[in-house]
Amino acid sequence: MATPVRVRFRAEDIFDAPDDGKRYEVIDGDLYVAKSPDLDHQDAVGGLHLYIGQYVRQRRLGKVYVAPVGVILDDENGMQPDLVYVSQERAHLLARRGIYGAPDLVVEVLSAGTAATDRGIKQRRYAAAGIPHYWIVDPATRTLEANYLGASGYELAGTYGSGAVFRPTLFPGLEIPIDDLWT
């Protein structure tokens, strides 16, 4: 009788996933598949990209990418965050295929099917990899949570909702009106 074998996926397997509109990630050697995001999700990602991308580009601070972009943290952890910022100081992490190492910022926009993973195992993996800033955007509550890496994981710097203007310490002088992420 055959004994079932548990297959461990490699982080770089995300680059060989089907081009079917789904998001493939490898976390601790396990494969995670998420369906395509809805328009509220995409509005938030697009809005953040406009604000952060323009700020970073004008100041030549580094690069900003939106999903799908592979972030390989180690042999067993390959993610595709919704938005990634890599500073000039970390430009050595950039390769043609993706980002190899811990970027300066990752942003995850929650969906019904990904919220538990984004707030759980992915958040812990990002912290373990040493990513200094992790933002979580929730289209259902129209909020943005800014987290920074502390001694024992991510610590909440602030939650910003309707009517608020987010002024990220990572980008001095940048102002992001939260309501603009959904207009």
Foldseek 3Di string as FASTA:
>chain_A
DDDDDDAFAWQCCQLVDDPPQWHWWFFQRDIDIGHHDDPLLVLLLVLVCVQVVVLCVVVVFFDKDAPPAWEALDTGTIGGAGMFTAGPVQNVQDDPRHGYAAGQEGEHEDDPVCVCVLVPRVQVSNLVRPRAWYWYAYSVQLKIWIWGHDPVGTDTPDIDHQPDWDQDPVRHPGTRHSVSSRD
